[in-house]
């Protein structure tokens, strides 16, 4: 998960560019893009995500503040860190937060999932 600040407002409000940027980040990380969706808010801001075979990558933007939040959750051999860093670089701002989280570690699986 990465937070980016100091981005150009027009870049953060460009829905098509952000979709292509997410797809590039996903592919660069080694993921397989299944579908890309987005929504442009009025008067500004975009939320976009790519559904991946391995999970998802998403972005939420606040052009009025020059900020964006990017996250990517994957399984398998993908390198989600490289994916979100490519997206952050494409926004032209400065990374203000960078968090790597391991999910479902030591997860207990109930018996009914083992059949």
N, C-alpha and C. Protein backbone atom coordinates (compact mmCIF):
# COMPACT_ATOMS: atom_id res chain seq x y z
N UNK A 1 0.86 -1.17 0.00
CA UNK A 1 0.00 0.00 0.00
C UNK A 1 0.90 1.23 0.00
N UNK A 2 0.58 2.16 -0.89
CA UNK A 2 1.41 3.36 -1.02
C UNK A 2 0.51 4.58 -1.08
N UNK A 3 0.90 5.63 -0.36
CA UNK A 3 0.27 6.93 -0.46
C UNK A 3 1.23 7.85 -1.20
N UNK A 4 0.68 8.63 -2.13
CA UNK A 4 1.49 9.55 -2.93
C UNK A 4 0.90 10.94 -2.80
N UNK A 5 1.79 11.94 -2.66
CA UNK A 5 1.36 13.34 -2.56
C UNK A 5 2.13 14.18 -3.58
N UNK A 6 1.65 15.39 -3.81
CA UNK A 6 2.33 16.29 -4.72
C UNK A 6 2.13 15.95 -6.19
N UNK A 7 1.05 15.25 -6.50
CA UNK A 7 0.76 14.84 -7.88
C UNK A 7 -0.01 15.95 -8.61
N UNK A 8 0.12 15.94 -9.92
CA UNK A 8 -0.62 16.88 -10.76
C UNK A 8 -2.11 16.52 -10.73
N UNK A 9 -2.95 17.52 -10.50
CA UNK A 9 -4.39 17.29 -10.38
C UNK A 9 -4.99 16.69 -11.66
N UNK A 10 -4.53 17.15 -12.81
CA UNK A 10 -5.10 16.63 -14.07
C UNK A 10 -4.75 15.15 -14.27
N UNK A 11 -3.57 14.74 -13.84
CA UNK A 11 -3.19 13.32 -13.91
C UNK A 11 -4.08 12.49 -13.01
N UNK A 12 -4.34 12.99 -11.81
CA UNK A 12 -5.16 12.26 -10.85
C UNK A 12 -6.63 12.21 -11.24
N UNK A 13 -7.03 13.04 -12.19
CA UNK A 13 -8.42 13.08 -12.62
C UNK A 13 -8.62 12.44 -13.99
N UNK A 14 -7.55 11.87 -14.56
CA UNK A 14 -7.58 11.27 -15.90
C UNK A 14 -7.90 9.78 -15.78
N UNK A 15 -9.17 9.46 -15.86
CA UNK A 15 -9.65 8.10 -15.63
C UNK A 15 -8.99 7.07 -16.56
N UNK A 16 -8.91 7.37 -17.84
CA UNK A 16 -8.33 6.41 -18.80
C UNK A 16 -6.84 6.20 -18.54
N UNK A 17 -6.11 7.27 -18.26
CA UNK A 17 -4.68 7.14 -17.95
C UNK A 17 -4.48 6.27 -16.72
N UNK A 18 -5.28 6.49 -15.69
CA UNK A 18 -5.12 5.73 -14.45
C UNK A 18 -5.42 4.25 -14.66
N UNK A 19 -6.41 3.93 -15.48
CA UNK A 19 -6.70 2.53 -15.79
C UNK A 19 -5.53 1.87 -16.51
N UNK A 20 -4.96 2.55 -17.48
CA UNK A 20 -3.80 2.01 -18.21
C UNK A 20 -2.59 1.87 -17.29
N UNK A 21 -2.42 2.83 -16.39
CA UNK A 21 -1.31 2.80 -15.44
C UNK A 21 -1.44 1.60 -14.49
N UNK A 22 -2.64 1.35 -13.99
CA UNK A 22 -2.87 0.19 -13.13
C UNK A 22 -2.59 -1.12 -13.87
N UNK A 23 -3.06 -1.20 -15.11
CA UNK A 23 -2.82 -2.41 -15.90
C UNK A 23 -1.33 -2.63 -16.11
N UNK A 24 -0.59 -1.54 -16.39
CA UNK A 24 0.86 -1.64 -16.56
C UNK A 24 1.53 -2.11 -15.28
N UNK A 25 1.12 -1.57 -14.14
CA UNK A 25 1.68 -1.99 -12.86
C UNK A 25 1.42 -3.45 -12.57
N UNK A 26 0.21 -3.90 -12.88
CA UNK A 26 -0.14 -5.30 -12.65
C UNK A 26 0.70 -6.22 -13.52
N UNK A 27 0.81 -5.90 -14.79
CA UNK A 27 1.58 -6.73 -15.72
C UNK A 27 3.05 -6.72 -15.34
N UNK A 28 3.58 -5.55 -14.98
CA UNK A 28 4.98 -5.43 -14.58
C UNK A 28 5.29 -6.30 -13.35
N UNK A 29 4.31 -6.45 -12.48
CA UNK A 29 4.50 -7.25 -11.27
C UNK A 29 4.42 -8.75 -11.53
N UNK A 30 3.98 -9.11 -12.72
CA UNK A 30 3.82 -10.52 -13.06
C UNK A 30 2.41 -11.04 -12.91
N UNK A 31 1.45 -10.15 -12.68
CA UNK A 31 0.06 -10.55 -12.49
C UNK A 31 -0.67 -10.64 -13.83
N UNK A 32 -1.82 -11.29 -13.80
CA UNK A 32 -2.68 -11.43 -14.97
C UNK A 32 -3.94 -10.60 -14.76
N UNK A 33 -4.15 -9.60 -15.63
CA UNK A 33 -5.32 -8.73 -15.54
C UNK A 33 -6.53 -9.44 -16.16
N UNK A 34 -7.60 -9.56 -15.38
CA UNK A 34 -8.84 -10.15 -15.87
C UNK A 34 -9.83 -9.09 -16.34
N UNK A 35 -9.88 -7.97 -15.59
CA UNK A 35 -10.86 -6.93 -15.88
C UNK A 35 -10.44 -5.64 -15.20
N UNK A 36 -10.70 -4.52 -15.84
CA UNK A 36 -10.40 -3.21 -15.25
C UNK A 36 -11.69 -2.40 -15.20
N UNK A 37 -11.95 -1.81 -14.04
CA UNK A 37 -13.15 -0.99 -13.83
C UNK A 37 -12.75 0.32 -13.18
N UNK A 38 -13.60 1.34 -13.35
CA UNK A 38 -13.31 2.63 -12.72
C UNK A 38 -14.58 3.44 -12.56
N UNK A 39 -14.46 4.47 -11.75
CA UNK A 39 -15.55 5.44 -11.59
C UNK A 39 -14.92 6.81 -11.41
N UNK A 40 -15.39 7.78 -12.20
CA UNK A 40 -14.93 9.16 -12.06
C UNK A 40 -15.99 9.93 -11.28
N UNK A 41 -15.56 10.57 -10.20
CA UNK A 41 -16.47 11.31 -9.35
C UNK A 41 -16.63 12.74 -9.84
N UNK A 42 -17.72 13.37 -9.44
CA UNK A 42 -17.97 14.77 -9.77
C UNK A 42 -17.88 15.58 -8.49
N UNK A 43 -17.11 16.63 -8.45
CA UNK A 43 -16.46 17.28 -9.59
C UNK A 43 -15.09 16.70 -9.94
N UNK A 44 -14.52 15.83 -9.08
CA UNK A 44 -13.19 15.32 -9.36
C UNK A 44 -12.92 14.07 -8.54
N UNK A 45 -11.87 13.34 -8.95
CA UNK A 45 -11.47 12.12 -8.26
C UNK A 45 -11.84 10.88 -9.04
N UNK A 46 -11.00 9.88 -8.91
CA UNK A 46 -11.20 8.61 -9.62
C UNK A 46 -10.89 7.46 -8.66
N UNK A 47 -11.70 6.42 -8.74
CA UNK A 47 -11.38 5.15 -8.13
C UNK A 47 -11.32 4.15 -9.27
N UNK A 48 -10.24 3.38 -9.33
CA UNK A 48 -10.09 2.38 -10.39
C UNK A 48 -9.45 1.13 -9.80
N UNK A 49 -9.75 -0.01 -10.40
CA UNK A 49 -9.11 -1.24 -9.96
C UNK A 49 -9.01 -2.22 -11.12
N UNK A 50 -8.03 -3.10 -11.02
CA UNK A 50 -7.90 -4.24 -11.91
C UNK A 50 -8.17 -5.49 -11.10
N UNK A 51 -9.09 -6.29 -11.56
CA UNK A 51 -9.30 -7.60 -11.00
C UNK A 51 -8.22 -8.49 -11.62
N UNK A 52 -7.45 -9.14 -10.77
CA UNK A 52 -6.35 -9.97 -11.23
C UNK A 52 -6.63 -11.44 -10.94
N UNK A 53 -6.01 -12.33 -11.69
CA UNK A 53 -6.09 -13.75 -11.35
C UNK A 53 -5.57 -13.97 -9.94
N UNK A 54 -4.64 -13.11 -9.53
CA UNK A 54 -3.97 -13.24 -8.23
C UNK A 54 -4.61 -12.40 -7.13
N UNK A 55 -5.54 -11.51 -7.42
CA UNK A 55 -6.30 -10.69 -6.48
C UNK A 55 -6.65 -9.35 -7.12
N UNK A 56 -6.04 -8.21 -6.68
CA UNK A 56 -6.41 -6.92 -7.27
C UNK A 56 -5.31 -5.87 -7.07
N UNK A 57 -5.41 -4.79 -7.86
CA UNK A 57 -4.63 -3.57 -7.68
C UNK A 57 -5.63 -2.42 -7.82
N UNK A 58 -5.51 -1.40 -6.97
CA UNK A 58 -6.48 -0.30 -7.02
C UNK A 58 -5.83 1.04 -6.72
N UNK A 59 -6.55 2.09 -7.12
CA UNK A 59 -6.11 3.46 -6.84
C UNK A 59 -7.34 4.30 -6.51
N UNK A 60 -7.16 5.20 -5.57
CA UNK A 60 -8.17 6.18 -5.19
C UNK A 60 -7.47 7.53 -5.23
N UNK A 61 -8.06 8.52 -5.92
CA UNK A 61 -7.37 9.81 -6.06
C UNK A 61 -8.18 10.96 -5.48
N UNK A 62 -7.44 11.97 -5.01
CA UNK A 62 -8.00 13.21 -4.51
C UNK A 62 -7.25 14.35 -5.22
N UNK A 63 -7.66 14.68 -6.46
CA UNK A 63 -6.95 15.71 -7.23
C UNK A 63 -6.88 17.06 -6.52
N UNK A 64 -7.92 17.39 -5.77
CA UNK A 64 -7.94 18.68 -5.08
C UNK A 64 -6.82 18.80 -4.06
N UNK A 65 -6.32 17.67 -3.59
CA UNK A 65 -5.22 17.65 -2.62
C UNK A 65 -3.91 17.15 -3.22
N UNK A 66 -3.95 16.73 -4.50
CA UNK A 66 -2.75 16.19 -5.13
C UNK A 66 -2.33 14.84 -4.57
N UNK A 67 -3.30 14.06 -4.04
CA UNK A 67 -2.98 12.80 -3.35
C UNK A 67 -3.62 11.59 -4.02
N UNK A 68 -2.98 10.44 -3.81
CA UNK A 68 -3.54 9.17 -4.27
C UNK A 68 -3.14 8.07 -3.30
N UNK A 69 -3.98 7.04 -3.24
CA UNK A 69 -3.68 5.84 -2.46
C UNK A 69 -3.73 4.66 -3.42
N UNK A 70 -2.69 3.83 -3.37
CA UNK A 70 -2.56 2.69 -4.27
C UNK A 70 -2.40 1.44 -3.41
N UNK A 71 -3.10 0.38 -3.76
CA UNK A 71 -2.85 -0.88 -3.07
C UNK A 71 -2.88 -2.03 -4.07
N UNK A 72 -2.16 -3.08 -3.72
CA UNK A 72 -2.13 -4.28 -4.55
C UNK A 72 -1.99 -5.48 -3.64
N UNK A 73 -2.93 -6.39 -3.73
CA UNK A 73 -2.88 -7.63 -2.98
C UNK A 73 -2.76 -8.77 -3.97
N UNK A 74 -1.81 -9.65 -3.75
CA UNK A 74 -1.58 -10.76 -4.68
C UNK A 74 -1.21 -12.03 -3.93
N UNK A 75 -1.27 -13.10 -4.66
CA UNK A 75 -0.76 -14.38 -4.18
C UNK A 75 0.13 -14.94 -5.28
N UNK A 76 0.82 -15.99 -4.98
CA UNK A 76 1.68 -16.60 -5.99
C UNK A 76 3.01 -15.88 -6.13
N UNK A 77 3.51 -15.87 -7.34
CA UNK A 77 4.85 -15.34 -7.60
C UNK A 77 4.88 -13.87 -8.00
N UNK A 78 3.81 -13.15 -7.88
CA UNK A 78 3.78 -11.73 -8.24
C UNK A 78 4.62 -10.91 -7.27
N UNK A 79 5.16 -9.82 -7.77
CA UNK A 79 5.90 -8.88 -6.93
C UNK A 79 5.08 -7.59 -6.83
N UNK A 80 4.15 -7.58 -5.89
CA UNK A 80 3.23 -6.43 -5.77
C UNK A 80 3.96 -5.13 -5.50
N UNK A 81 5.10 -5.19 -4.84
CA UNK A 81 5.87 -3.97 -4.55
C UNK A 81 6.27 -3.26 -5.85
N UNK A 82 6.76 -4.01 -6.84
CA UNK A 82 7.16 -3.37 -8.10
C UNK A 82 5.95 -2.79 -8.83
N UNK A 83 4.81 -3.47 -8.70
CA UNK A 83 3.60 -2.97 -9.35
C UNK A 83 3.14 -1.62 -8.82
N UNK A 84 3.06 -1.50 -7.49
CA UNK A 84 2.60 -0.23 -6.92
C UNK A 84 3.64 0.87 -7.10
N UNK A 85 4.92 0.52 -7.08
CA UNK A 85 5.96 1.54 -7.31
C UNK A 85 5.90 2.08 -8.73
N UNK A 86 5.60 1.22 -9.71
CA UNK A 86 5.45 1.70 -11.09
C UNK A 86 4.27 2.66 -11.18
N UNK A 87 3.17 2.32 -10.54
CA UNK A 87 2.00 3.20 -10.56
C UNK A 87 2.32 4.53 -9.88
N UNK A 88 2.96 4.48 -8.72
CA UNK A 88 3.33 5.71 -8.01
C UNK A 88 4.24 6.58 -8.87
N UNK A 89 5.19 5.98 -9.55
CA UNK A 89 6.09 6.72 -10.42
C UNK A 89 5.32 7.40 -11.55
N UNK A 90 4.31 6.73 -12.06
CA UNK A 90 3.50 7.29 -13.14
C UNK A 90 2.64 8.47 -12.72
N UNK A 91 2.52 8.69 -11.41
CA UNK A 91 1.75 9.83 -10.91
C UNK A 91 2.61 11.08 -10.73
N UNK A 92 3.92 10.89 -10.70
CA UNK A 92 4.84 12.02 -10.61
C UNK A 92 4.92 12.71 -9.28
N UNK A 93 4.41 12.12 -8.23
CA UNK A 93 4.47 12.74 -6.91
C UNK A 93 5.56 12.13 -6.05
N UNK A 94 5.39 12.30 -4.75
CA UNK A 94 6.34 11.80 -3.76
C UNK A 94 5.62 10.77 -2.89
N UNK A 95 6.25 9.63 -2.67
CA UNK A 95 5.67 8.61 -1.80
C UNK A 95 5.77 9.08 -0.35
N UNK A 96 4.61 9.14 0.32
CA UNK A 96 4.58 9.59 1.71
C UNK A 96 4.38 8.44 2.69
N UNK A 97 3.90 7.30 2.19
CA UNK A 97 3.74 6.11 3.03
C UNK A 97 3.90 4.89 2.13
N UNK A 98 4.57 3.87 2.65
CA UNK A 98 4.83 2.65 1.89
C UNK A 98 4.76 1.49 2.87
N UNK A 99 3.71 0.69 2.77
CA UNK A 99 3.49 -0.38 3.72
C UNK A 99 3.38 -1.72 2.99
N UNK A 100 4.15 -2.68 3.44
CA UNK A 100 4.06 -4.04 2.93
C UNK A 100 3.42 -4.88 4.02
N UNK A 101 2.31 -5.52 3.69
CA UNK A 101 1.59 -6.33 4.67
C UNK A 101 1.47 -7.76 4.17
N UNK A 102 1.72 -8.70 5.05
CA UNK A 102 1.51 -10.12 4.74
C UNK A 102 0.18 -10.51 5.34
N UNK A 103 -0.72 -10.96 4.49
CA UNK A 103 -2.07 -11.30 4.95
C UNK A 103 -2.23 -12.80 5.11
N UNK A 104 -3.13 -13.16 6.00
CA UNK A 104 -3.53 -14.55 6.23
C UNK A 104 -2.37 -15.44 6.66
N UNK A 105 -1.42 -14.87 7.36
CA UNK A 105 -0.32 -15.67 7.88
C UNK A 105 -0.82 -16.51 9.04
N UNK A 106 -0.40 -17.76 9.08
CA UNK A 106 -0.79 -18.69 10.14
C UNK A 106 -2.31 -18.80 10.29
N UNK A 107 -2.99 -18.74 9.17
CA UNK A 107 -4.44 -18.80 9.18
C UNK A 107 -4.90 -20.23 9.48
N UNK A 108 -5.86 -20.36 10.36
CA UNK A 108 -6.43 -21.66 10.69
C UNK A 108 -7.60 -21.91 9.73
N UNK A 109 -7.56 -23.03 9.03
CA UNK A 109 -8.60 -23.35 8.06
C UNK A 109 -9.54 -24.37 8.69
N UNK A 110 -10.84 -24.02 8.81
CA UNK A 110 -11.80 -24.95 9.40
C UNK A 110 -11.89 -26.23 8.56
N UNK A 111 -12.28 -27.31 9.23
CA UNK A 111 -12.39 -28.62 8.58
C UNK A 111 -13.27 -28.61 7.34
N UNK A 112 -14.34 -27.82 7.34
CA UNK A 112 -15.28 -27.86 6.21
C UNK A 112 -14.65 -27.32 4.92
N UNK A 113 -13.49 -26.67 4.97
CA UNK A 113 -12.80 -26.24 3.76
C UNK A 113 -11.85 -27.31 3.22
N UNK A 114 -11.64 -28.35 3.97
CA UNK A 114 -10.64 -29.34 3.59
C UNK A 114 -11.22 -30.53 2.84
N UNK A 115 -12.49 -30.52 2.52
CA UNK A 115 -13.09 -31.67 1.83
C UNK A 115 -12.93 -31.65 0.34
